[in-house]
Amino acid sequence: MPHCFFDNMKDRKHMRKIRKKRIKSIQKQIEKHEEKIENEKGRLDTTKDYWRKEIDEKFLKQIGEDEEFLEEK
């Protein structure tokens, strides 16, 4: 049985809410990583470059995708 129009609207509204929460969460994670870059000495497996790369490749990319989704109507 095909989805009803209202079900799709409900799903979309729910996804928008989830993505807004995820953006806030990722922004907090970025702040934590930037704090580590400033204040902590890097280790063998978690260097300052690792934290910067994680911000650039994972977090900012995900925020961009989520914001793009939120701009769609």
C-alpha atoms as a PDB file:
ATOM      1  CA  MET A   1       0.000   0.000   0.000  1.00  0.00           C
ATOM      2  CA  PRO A   2       1.519   3.378  -1.032  1.00  0.00           C
ATOM      3  CA  HIS A   3       2.331   5.994   1.559  1.00  0.00           C
ATOM      4  CA  CYS A   4      -0.249   8.658   2.103  1.00  0.00           C
ATOM      5  CA  PHE A   5       0.692  12.280   1.379  1.00  0.00           C
ATOM      6  CA  PHE A   6       0.261  13.120   5.059  1.00  0.00           C
ATOM      7  CA  ASP A   7       2.567  10.286   6.096  1.00  0.00           C
ATOM      8  CA  ASN A   8       5.257  11.725   3.830  1.00  0.00           C
ATOM      9  CA  MET A   9       4.749  15.180   5.305  1.00  0.00           C
ATOM     10  CA  LYS A  10       4.950  13.741   8.805  1.00  0.00           C
ATOM     11  CA  ASP A  11       8.148  11.842   7.948  1.00  0.00           C
ATOM     12  CA  ARG A  12       9.687  14.952   6.400  1.00  0.00           C
ATOM     13  CA  LYS A  13       8.795  17.059   9.442  1.00  0.00           C
ATOM     14  CA  HIS A  14      10.348  14.436  11.701  1.00  0.00           C
ATOM     15  CA  MET A  15      13.509  14.317   9.587  1.00  0.00           C
ATOM     16  CA  ARG A  16      13.818  18.121   9.714  1.00  0.00           C
ATOM     17  CA  LYS A  17      13.628  17.996  13.510  1.00  0.00           C
ATOM     18  CA  ILE A  18      16.270  15.258  13.669  1.00  0.00           C
ATOM     19  CA  ARG A  19      18.613  17.119  11.337  1.00  0.00           C
ATOM     20  CA  LYS A  20      18.306  20.363  13.322  1.00  0.00           C
ATOM     21  CA  LYS A  21      19.239  18.461  16.485  1.00  0.00           C
ATOM     22  CA  ARG A  22      22.132  16.773  14.723  1.00  0.00           C
ATOM     23  CA  ILE A  23      23.495  20.123  13.505  1.00  0.00           C
ATOM     24  CA  LYS A  24      23.510  21.440  17.084  1.00  0.00           C
ATOM     25  CA  SER A  25      25.186  18.267  18.323  1.00  0.00           C
ATOM     26  CA  ILE A  26      27.874  18.399  15.639  1.00  0.00           C
ATOM     27  CA  GLN A  27      28.543  22.065  16.388  1.00  0.00           C
ATOM     28  CA  LYS A  28      29.163  21.131  20.035  1.00  0.00           C
ATOM     29  CA  GLN A  29      31.507  18.351  18.915  1.00  0.00           C
ATOM     30  CA  ILE A  30      33.417  20.821  16.728  1.00  0.00           C
ATOM     31  CA  GLU A  31      33.817  23.118  19.741  1.00  0.00           C
ATOM     32  CA  LYS A  32      35.221  20.205  21.778  1.00  0.00           C
ATOM     33  CA  HIS A  33      37.682  19.311  19.024  1.00  0.00           C
ATOM     34  CA  GLU A  34      38.807  22.940  18.654  1.00  0.00           C
ATOM     35  CA  GLU A  35      39.305  23.109  22.411  1.00  0.00           C
ATOM     36  CA  LYS A  36      41.470  19.975  22.231  1.00  0.00           C
ATOM     37  CA  ILE A  37      43.486  21.479  19.376  1.00  0.00           C
ATOM     38  CA  GLU A  38      44.144  24.596  21.463  1.00  0.00           C
ATOM     39  CA  ASN A  39      44.728  23.068  24.885  1.00  0.00           C
ATOM     40  CA  GLU A  40      45.920  19.492  24.558  1.00  0.00           C
ATOM     41  CA  LYS A  41      49.088  18.003  23.283  1.00  0.00           C
ATOM     42  CA  GLY A  42      48.432  15.527  20.487  1.00  0.00           C
ATOM     43  CA  ARG A  43      49.043  11.838  21.037  1.00  0.00           C
ATOM     44  CA  LEU A  44      50.160   9.106  18.673  1.00  0.00           C
ATOM     45  CA  ASP A  45      46.660   8.207  17.471  1.00  0.00           C
ATOM     46  CA  THR A  46      44.892  11.532  18.053  1.00  0.00           C
ATOM     47  CA  THR A  47      47.106  14.320  16.831  1.00  0.00           C
ATOM     48  CA  LYS A  48      46.005  17.914  16.362  1.00  0.00           C
ATOM     49  CA  ASP A  49      45.955  17.267  12.603  1.00  0.00           C
ATOM     50  CA  TYR A  50      43.618  14.307  13.218  1.00  0.00           C
ATOM     51  CA  TRP A  51      41.150  16.513  15.120  1.00  0.00           C
ATOM     52  CA  ARG A  52      41.307  19.238  12.444  1.00  0.00           C
ATOM     53  CA  LYS A  53      40.828  16.654   9.676  1.00  0.00           C
ATOM     54  CA  GLU A  54      37.855  15.138  11.503  1.00  0.00           C
ATOM     55  CA  ILE A  55      36.239  18.585  11.782  1.00  0.00           C
ATOM     56  CA  ASP A  56      36.840  19.354   8.101  1.00  0.00           C
ATOM     57  CA  GLU A  57      35.954  15.990   6.585  1.00  0.00           C
ATOM     58  CA  LYS A  58      33.231  14.617   8.846  1.00  0.00           C
ATOM     59  CA  PHE A  59      31.527  17.339  10.811  1.00  0.00           C
ATOM     60  CA  LEU A  60      31.428  20.208   8.331  1.00  0.00           C
ATOM     61  CA  LYS A  61      30.386  17.855   5.519  1.00  0.00           C
ATOM     62  CA  GLN A  62      27.506  16.476   7.619  1.00  0.00           C
ATOM     63  CA  ILE A  63      26.353  19.962   8.628  1.00  0.00           C
ATOM     64  CA  GLY A  64      26.394  20.992   4.957  1.00  0.00           C
ATOM     65  CA  GLU A  65      24.287  17.993   3.949  1.00  0.00           C
ATOM     66  CA  ASP A  66      21.811  18.609   6.765  1.00  0.00           C
ATOM     67  CA  GLU A  67      21.484  22.308   5.973  1.00  0.00           C
ATOM     68  CA  GLU A  68      20.941  21.462   2.314  1.00  0.00           C
ATOM     69  CA  PHE A  69      18.154  19.057   3.334  1.00  0.00           C
ATOM     70  CA  LEU A  70      16.560  21.753   5.511  1.00  0.00           C
ATOM     71  CA  GLU A  71      16.595  24.264   2.646  1.00  0.00           C
ATOM     72  CA  GLU A  72      14.608  21.923   0.401  1.00  0.00           C
ATOM     73  CA  LYS A  73      10.864  22.337   0.406  1.00  0.00           C
END
